[in-house]
Amino acid sequence: MTDSSPSSLRSLIYDPSGPSLKVLDQLKVPAEKAYIDVTDIQTAWSVIRNMQIRGAPLIAIVASLGLAVDLVSPASTMDLDSMISMHGDRHGPVILSYIQGKIDYLETSRPTAVNLFN
């Protein structure tokens, strides 16, 4: 998504009603103002890994909001619904493990940023 409007530059645009997340592709600044739609955990991982966003606070926010967007995506919703169906009242630990797996995956996006997830 390229935005040529004269409005101020924003590092990210988050809409909690969707939720939806767009991040400014910092590799294209200042020549272009382009935003990347972060629709799932893989895209969040990619923008962090490829340094399309920079700075520990922004990386942490994109990881957190990327996880939030991912967890309400159709794919995750199907996975979670299936876990609840299969495990009934004992689904809590399974769901926590599912979410932890996504967090562990995000941690691999910046192996040199040792304090990013502490």
Foldseek 3Di string as FASTA:
>chain_A
DFDPDPDDQDQKDADVVLTWIWGFQCVCPPVTGDIDTLQALVVLLVCLLVPSDDDLVVNLVSNVVSLVNHCPDPVNVVVLVVLCVVQPPPSVVVVVVVSVVSVVSSCVSDVVPVPSVD
